[in-house]
Amino acid sequence: MSNTIIYGIKNCSTMKKAFDFLDGHNAAYTFHDYKKQGVDDDVLRLAIKEFGWDQVINRRGMTWRQLDDATKKTMDEAAALQIAHEKPSIIKRPIIVHEGEVLLGFEEDALTRVFAL
């Protein structure tokens, strides 16, 4: 089993970039699909603690735009956790946990640094 877990949704262009990058560097990882396996609450809480709910929740995506204004205006950490479980597509992708370090989103420089590539 790998020390790296990538959390997200398989059919996502950003996820594809992350998979391609890691596969191209022969980096071992395990994929956790929100749609099939559900949201990992501990990892979500860890990402929110590290980056803040406003970074973990993708406020540029269609899922966010489809929320009613009242939900958007009252969003906080607790509401973000709840909405992430109800609508996992709203979580910024990928969340990568590698040997205890958490990365949010696809950034080649960060992956290169963390994986020592």
N, C-alpha and C. Protein backbone atom coordinates (compact mmCIF):
# COMPACT_ATOMS: atom_id res chain seq x y z
N MET A 1 0.84 -1.19 0.00
CA MET A 1 0.00 0.00 0.00
C MET A 1 0.88 1.24 0.00
N SER A 2 0.45 2.23 -0.72
CA SER A 2 1.20 3.46 -0.88
C SER A 2 1.05 4.37 0.33
N ASN A 3 2.05 5.22 0.56
CA ASN A 3 1.96 6.25 1.59
C ASN A 3 1.26 7.50 1.07
N THR A 4 0.78 7.44 -0.16
CA THR A 4 0.14 8.58 -0.79
C THR A 4 -1.28 8.22 -1.18
N ILE A 5 -2.21 9.08 -0.78
CA ILE A 5 -3.60 8.88 -1.17
C ILE A 5 -4.08 10.15 -1.85
N ILE A 6 -4.69 9.98 -3.02
CA ILE A 6 -5.26 11.10 -3.76
C ILE A 6 -6.78 11.00 -3.62
N TYR A 7 -7.39 12.07 -3.13
CA TYR A 7 -8.83 12.13 -2.93
C TYR A 7 -9.44 13.01 -4.00
N GLY A 8 -10.52 12.53 -4.61
CA GLY A 8 -11.19 13.34 -5.61
C GLY A 8 -12.21 12.54 -6.38
N ILE A 9 -12.47 13.00 -7.59
CA ILE A 9 -13.45 12.40 -8.48
C ILE A 9 -12.73 12.03 -9.77
N LYS A 10 -12.89 10.81 -10.20
CA LYS A 10 -12.12 10.30 -11.34
C LYS A 10 -12.30 11.13 -12.61
N ASN A 11 -13.51 11.50 -12.95
CA ASN A 11 -13.78 12.22 -14.19
C ASN A 11 -13.66 13.73 -13.98
N CYS A 12 -12.47 14.17 -13.70
CA CYS A 12 -12.19 15.58 -13.44
C CYS A 12 -10.89 15.92 -14.15
N SER A 13 -10.86 16.99 -14.90
CA SER A 13 -9.65 17.34 -15.67
C SER A 13 -8.46 17.61 -14.76
N THR A 14 -8.68 18.21 -13.60
CA THR A 14 -7.58 18.48 -12.68
C THR A 14 -7.05 17.18 -12.08
N MET A 15 -7.94 16.26 -11.80
CA MET A 15 -7.51 14.95 -11.30
C MET A 15 -6.67 14.24 -12.36
N LYS A 16 -7.10 14.33 -13.61
CA LYS A 16 -6.36 13.69 -14.70
C LYS A 16 -4.94 14.25 -14.77
N LYS A 17 -4.79 15.55 -14.59
CA LYS A 17 -3.45 16.16 -14.59
C LYS A 17 -2.59 15.58 -13.46
N ALA A 18 -3.20 15.44 -12.29
CA ALA A 18 -2.46 14.89 -11.14
C ALA A 18 -2.07 13.44 -11.40
N PHE A 19 -3.02 12.63 -11.90
CA PHE A 19 -2.71 11.23 -12.21
C PHE A 19 -1.59 11.14 -13.23
N ASP A 20 -1.71 11.92 -14.30
CA ASP A 20 -0.70 11.89 -15.37
C ASP A 20 0.68 12.30 -14.84
N PHE A 21 0.72 13.32 -14.01
CA PHE A 21 1.98 13.79 -13.46
C PHE A 21 2.62 12.71 -12.60
N LEU A 22 1.85 12.15 -11.67
CA LEU A 22 2.39 11.14 -10.77
C LEU A 22 2.76 9.86 -11.51
N ASP A 23 1.90 9.45 -12.44
CA ASP A 23 2.21 8.25 -13.24
C ASP A 23 3.48 8.47 -14.07
N GLY A 24 3.63 9.66 -14.61
CA GLY A 24 4.80 9.99 -15.41
C GLY A 24 6.10 9.98 -14.61
N HIS A 25 5.97 10.15 -13.29
CA HIS A 25 7.15 10.12 -12.42
C HIS A 25 7.22 8.82 -11.61
N ASN A 26 6.40 7.85 -12.00
CA ASN A 26 6.37 6.54 -11.32
C ASN A 26 6.16 6.66 -9.82
N ALA A 27 5.35 7.63 -9.41
CA ALA A 27 5.04 7.82 -7.99
C ALA A 27 3.84 6.94 -7.64
N ALA A 28 4.00 6.12 -6.62
CA ALA A 28 2.93 5.22 -6.19
C ALA A 28 1.88 6.00 -5.39
N TYR A 29 0.63 5.68 -5.61
CA TYR A 29 -0.45 6.31 -4.86
C TYR A 29 -1.67 5.40 -4.88
N THR A 30 -2.57 5.69 -3.95
CA THR A 30 -3.87 5.05 -3.89
C THR A 30 -4.90 6.14 -4.17
N PHE A 31 -5.91 5.80 -4.95
CA PHE A 31 -6.96 6.78 -5.29
C PHE A 31 -8.20 6.51 -4.47
N HIS A 32 -8.72 7.55 -3.83
CA HIS A 32 -9.97 7.49 -3.07
C HIS A 32 -11.00 8.32 -3.83
N ASP A 33 -11.98 7.64 -4.41
CA ASP A 33 -13.01 8.29 -5.23
C ASP A 33 -14.20 8.68 -4.36
N TYR A 34 -14.44 9.99 -4.25
CA TYR A 34 -15.56 10.48 -3.44
C TYR A 34 -16.89 9.89 -3.89
N LYS A 35 -17.05 9.72 -5.19
CA LYS A 35 -18.33 9.23 -5.72
C LYS A 35 -18.59 7.77 -5.34
N LYS A 36 -17.53 6.98 -5.24
CA LYS A 36 -17.69 5.56 -4.93
C LYS A 36 -17.47 5.23 -3.46
N GLN A 37 -16.55 5.94 -2.82
CA GLN A 37 -16.17 5.61 -1.46
C GLN A 37 -16.63 6.64 -0.43
N GLY A 38 -17.21 7.72 -0.89
CA GLY A 38 -17.64 8.77 0.03
C GLY A 38 -16.49 9.67 0.44
N VAL A 39 -16.82 10.72 1.13
CA VAL A 39 -15.84 11.70 1.60
C VAL A 39 -15.21 11.18 2.89
N ASP A 40 -13.90 11.26 2.98
CA ASP A 40 -13.18 10.88 4.19
C ASP A 40 -13.19 12.09 5.12
N ASP A 41 -13.98 12.00 6.19
CA ASP A 41 -14.19 13.14 7.08
C ASP A 41 -12.89 13.61 7.72
N ASP A 42 -12.03 12.67 8.13
CA ASP A 42 -10.77 13.06 8.78
C ASP A 42 -9.88 13.85 7.83
N VAL A 43 -9.80 13.41 6.58
CA VAL A 43 -8.97 14.10 5.59
C VAL A 43 -9.56 15.46 5.27
N LEU A 44 -10.87 15.52 5.15
CA LEU A 44 -11.53 16.80 4.88
C LEU A 44 -11.27 17.79 6.02
N ARG A 45 -11.39 17.34 7.25
CA ARG A 45 -11.11 18.20 8.41
C ARG A 45 -9.65 18.64 8.42
N LEU A 46 -8.75 17.73 8.09
CA LEU A 46 -7.33 18.05 8.03
C LEU A 46 -7.06 19.12 6.97
N ALA A 47 -7.67 18.97 5.80
CA ALA A 47 -7.48 19.95 4.72
C ALA A 47 -8.06 21.31 5.12
N ILE A 48 -9.22 21.31 5.76
CA ILE A 48 -9.83 22.57 6.21
C ILE A 48 -8.96 23.23 7.28
N LYS A 49 -8.41 22.44 8.19
CA LYS A 49 -7.53 22.99 9.23
C LYS A 49 -6.29 23.62 8.58
N GLU A 50 -5.74 22.95 7.57
CA GLU A 50 -4.52 23.41 6.91
C GLU A 50 -4.76 24.62 6.00
N PHE A 51 -5.87 24.61 5.24
CA PHE A 51 -6.08 25.62 4.20
C PHE A 51 -7.28 26.53 4.43
N GLY A 52 -8.18 26.16 5.33
CA GLY A 52 -9.40 26.93 5.54
C GLY A 52 -10.53 26.42 4.65
N TRP A 53 -11.75 26.48 5.15
CA TRP A 53 -12.89 25.96 4.39
C TRP A 53 -13.04 26.67 3.05
N ASP A 54 -12.70 27.96 3.03
CA ASP A 54 -12.91 28.76 1.82
C ASP A 54 -11.95 28.37 0.70
N GLN A 55 -10.88 27.64 1.01
CA GLN A 55 -9.99 27.11 -0.03
C GLN A 55 -10.36 25.68 -0.41
N VAL A 56 -10.83 24.91 0.56
CA VAL A 56 -11.18 23.51 0.32
C VAL A 56 -12.47 23.40 -0.48
N ILE A 57 -13.39 24.31 -0.22
CA ILE A 57 -14.63 24.35 -1.00
C ILE A 57 -14.36 25.15 -2.26
N ASN A 58 -14.60 24.52 -3.41
CA ASN A 58 -14.35 25.16 -4.70
C ASN A 58 -15.46 26.16 -5.01
N ARG A 59 -15.17 27.42 -4.78
CA ARG A 59 -16.18 28.46 -5.00
C ARG A 59 -16.19 28.98 -6.43
N ARG A 60 -15.43 28.35 -7.31
CA ARG A 60 -15.44 28.71 -8.73
C ARG A 60 -16.26 27.72 -9.56
N GLY A 61 -16.56 26.57 -8.98
CA GLY A 61 -17.20 25.49 -9.73
C GLY A 61 -18.72 25.62 -9.82
N MET A 62 -19.26 24.79 -10.67
CA MET A 62 -20.70 24.78 -10.91
C MET A 62 -21.49 24.40 -9.65
N THR A 63 -20.97 23.48 -8.85
CA THR A 63 -21.70 23.06 -7.65
C THR A 63 -21.90 24.24 -6.71
N TRP A 64 -20.87 25.06 -6.51
CA TRP A 64 -20.99 26.25 -5.67
C TRP A 64 -21.99 27.23 -6.27
N ARG A 65 -21.90 27.46 -7.56
CA ARG A 65 -22.79 28.43 -8.21
C ARG A 65 -24.25 28.00 -8.12
N GLN A 66 -24.49 26.71 -8.00
CA GLN A 66 -25.87 26.22 -7.92
C GLN A 66 -26.45 26.30 -6.52
N LEU A 67 -25.62 26.60 -5.51
CA LEU A 67 -26.13 26.76 -4.15
C LEU A 67 -26.95 28.04 -4.06
N ASP A 68 -27.95 28.03 -3.19
CA ASP A 68 -28.73 29.25 -3.01
C ASP A 68 -27.89 30.29 -2.25
N ASP A 69 -28.25 31.54 -2.43
CA ASP A 69 -27.48 32.64 -1.85
C ASP A 69 -27.40 32.56 -0.33
N ALA A 70 -28.47 32.13 0.31
CA ALA A 70 -28.48 32.05 1.78
C ALA A 70 -27.42 31.05 2.26
N THR A 71 -27.30 29.93 1.56
CA THR A 71 -26.29 28.93 1.93
C THR A 71 -24.90 29.49 1.75
N LYS A 72 -24.67 30.18 0.65
CA LYS A 72 -23.35 30.76 0.39
C LYS A 72 -22.99 31.81 1.45
N LYS A 73 -23.95 32.65 1.82
CA LYS A 73 -23.68 33.73 2.77
C LYS A 73 -23.42 33.24 4.18
N THR A 74 -23.98 32.08 4.53
CA THR A 74 -23.83 31.57 5.89
C THR A 74 -22.79 30.46 5.99
N MET A 75 -22.05 30.26 4.92
CA MET A 75 -21.05 29.18 4.91
C MET A 75 -19.98 29.43 5.96
N ASP A 76 -19.70 28.40 6.72
CA ASP A 76 -18.61 28.40 7.68
C ASP A 76 -18.03 26.99 7.69
N GLU A 77 -17.13 26.70 8.61
CA GLU A 77 -16.48 25.39 8.61
C GLU A 77 -17.48 24.25 8.76
N ALA A 78 -18.41 24.38 9.68
CA ALA A 78 -19.40 23.31 9.90
C ALA A 78 -20.28 23.11 8.67
N ALA A 79 -20.73 24.20 8.08
CA ALA A 79 -21.57 24.10 6.88
C ALA A 79 -20.77 23.54 5.71
N ALA A 80 -19.49 23.90 5.63
CA ALA A 80 -18.63 23.39 4.56
C ALA A 80 -18.48 21.87 4.67
N LEU A 81 -18.29 21.37 5.88
CA LEU A 81 -18.19 19.93 6.09
C LEU A 81 -19.48 19.23 5.66
N GLN A 82 -20.60 19.80 6.04
CA GLN A 82 -21.90 19.20 5.70
C GLN A 82 -22.13 19.19 4.19
N ILE A 83 -21.91 20.33 3.54
CA ILE A 83 -22.15 20.43 2.09
C ILE A 83 -21.18 19.53 1.32
N ALA A 84 -19.96 19.37 1.84
CA ALA A 84 -18.97 18.50 1.18
C ALA A 84 -19.44 17.04 1.20
N HIS A 85 -20.09 16.64 2.27
CA HIS A 85 -20.62 15.27 2.34
C HIS A 85 -21.83 15.11 1.43
N GLU A 86 -22.64 16.14 1.35
CA GLU A 86 -23.85 16.07 0.51
C GLU A 86 -23.51 16.18 -0.98
N LYS A 87 -22.53 17.02 -1.30
CA LYS A 87 -22.16 17.30 -2.68
C LYS A 87 -20.64 17.26 -2.82
N PRO A 88 -20.06 16.06 -2.90
CA PRO A 88 -18.59 15.97 -2.93
C PRO A 88 -17.95 16.69 -4.12
N SER A 89 -18.73 16.98 -5.14
CA SER A 89 -18.18 17.70 -6.29
C SER A 89 -17.76 19.13 -5.92
N ILE A 90 -18.19 19.60 -4.77
CA ILE A 90 -17.86 20.97 -4.36
C ILE A 90 -16.46 21.07 -3.75
N ILE A 91 -15.84 19.93 -3.45
CA ILE A 91 -14.51 19.94 -2.84
C ILE A 91 -13.46 20.18 -3.93
N LYS A 92 -12.55 21.11 -3.65
CA LYS A 92 -11.45 21.36 -4.59
C LYS A 92 -10.63 20.09 -4.75
N ARG A 93 -10.20 19.84 -5.97
CA ARG A 93 -9.51 18.59 -6.26
C ARG A 93 -8.15 18.85 -6.88
N PRO A 94 -7.27 17.91 -6.63
CA PRO A 94 -7.32 16.82 -5.66
C PRO A 94 -6.89 17.30 -4.28
N ILE A 95 -7.22 16.50 -3.29
CA ILE A 95 -6.57 16.59 -1.98
C ILE A 95 -5.60 15.41 -1.98
N ILE A 96 -4.34 15.70 -1.75
CA ILE A 96 -3.32 14.65 -1.75
C ILE A 96 -2.69 14.61 -0.36
N VAL A 97 -2.67 13.43 0.23
CA VAL A 97 -1.99 13.24 1.51
C VAL A 97 -0.80 12.32 1.24
N HIS A 98 0.38 12.88 1.47
CA HIS A 98 1.63 12.14 1.24
C HIS A 98 2.47 12.20 2.50
N GLU A 99 2.61 11.05 3.14
CA GLU A 99 3.43 10.93 4.35
C GLU A 99 3.09 12.03 5.36
N GLY A 100 1.79 12.26 5.56
CA GLY A 100 1.32 13.22 6.55
C GLY A 100 1.18 14.65 6.07
N GLU A 101 1.73 14.97 4.91
CA GLU A 101 1.60 16.32 4.36
C GLU A 101 0.39 16.38 3.45
N VAL A 102 -0.35 17.48 3.54
CA VAL A 102 -1.57 17.65 2.76
C VAL A 102 -1.34 18.69 1.67
N LEU A 103 -1.72 18.32 0.45
CA LEU A 103 -1.67 19.25 -0.68
C LEU A 103 -3.09 19.45 -1.18
N LEU A 104 -3.39 20.64 -1.62
CA LEU A 104 -4.72 20.96 -2.13
C LEU A 104 -4.58 21.49 -3.55
N GLY A 105 -5.26 20.83 -4.48
CA GLY A 105 -5.21 21.24 -5.87
C GLY A 105 -3.97 20.67 -6.56
N PHE A 106 -3.92 20.88 -7.86
CA PHE A 106 -2.79 20.37 -8.64
C PHE A 106 -1.80 21.49 -8.89
N GLU A 107 -0.62 21.35 -8.31
CA GLU A 107 0.47 22.28 -8.53
C GLU A 107 1.74 21.46 -8.71
N GLU A 108 2.30 21.48 -9.91
CA GLU A 108 3.50 20.69 -10.21
C GLU A 108 4.63 20.99 -9.26
N ASP A 109 4.85 22.25 -8.94
CA ASP A 109 5.97 22.62 -8.05
C ASP A 109 5.81 21.98 -6.68
N ALA A 110 4.60 22.01 -6.14
CA ALA A 110 4.35 21.42 -4.83
C ALA A 110 4.54 19.91 -4.87
N LEU A 111 4.04 19.27 -5.92
CA LEU A 111 4.19 17.82 -6.03
C LEU A 111 5.66 17.44 -6.21
N THR A 112 6.38 18.21 -6.99
CA THR A 112 7.81 17.95 -7.20
C THR A 112 8.56 18.05 -5.87
N ARG A 113 8.23 19.06 -5.08
CA ARG A 113 8.88 19.26 -3.78
C ARG A 113 8.53 18.13 -2.82
N VAL A 114 7.26 17.81 -2.68
CA VAL A 114 6.82 16.82 -1.70
C VAL A 114 7.31 15.41 -2.06
N PHE A 115 7.28 15.09 -3.36
CA PHE A 115 7.70 13.77 -3.78
C PHE A 115 9.22 13.71 -4.08
N ALA A 116 9.90 14.82 -3.89
CA ALA A 116 11.35 14.91 -4.14
C ALA A 116 11.68 14.39 -5.55
N LEU A 117 10.97 14.92 -6.53
CA LEU A 117 11.17 14.50 -7.92
C LEU A 117 12.18 15.39 -8.63
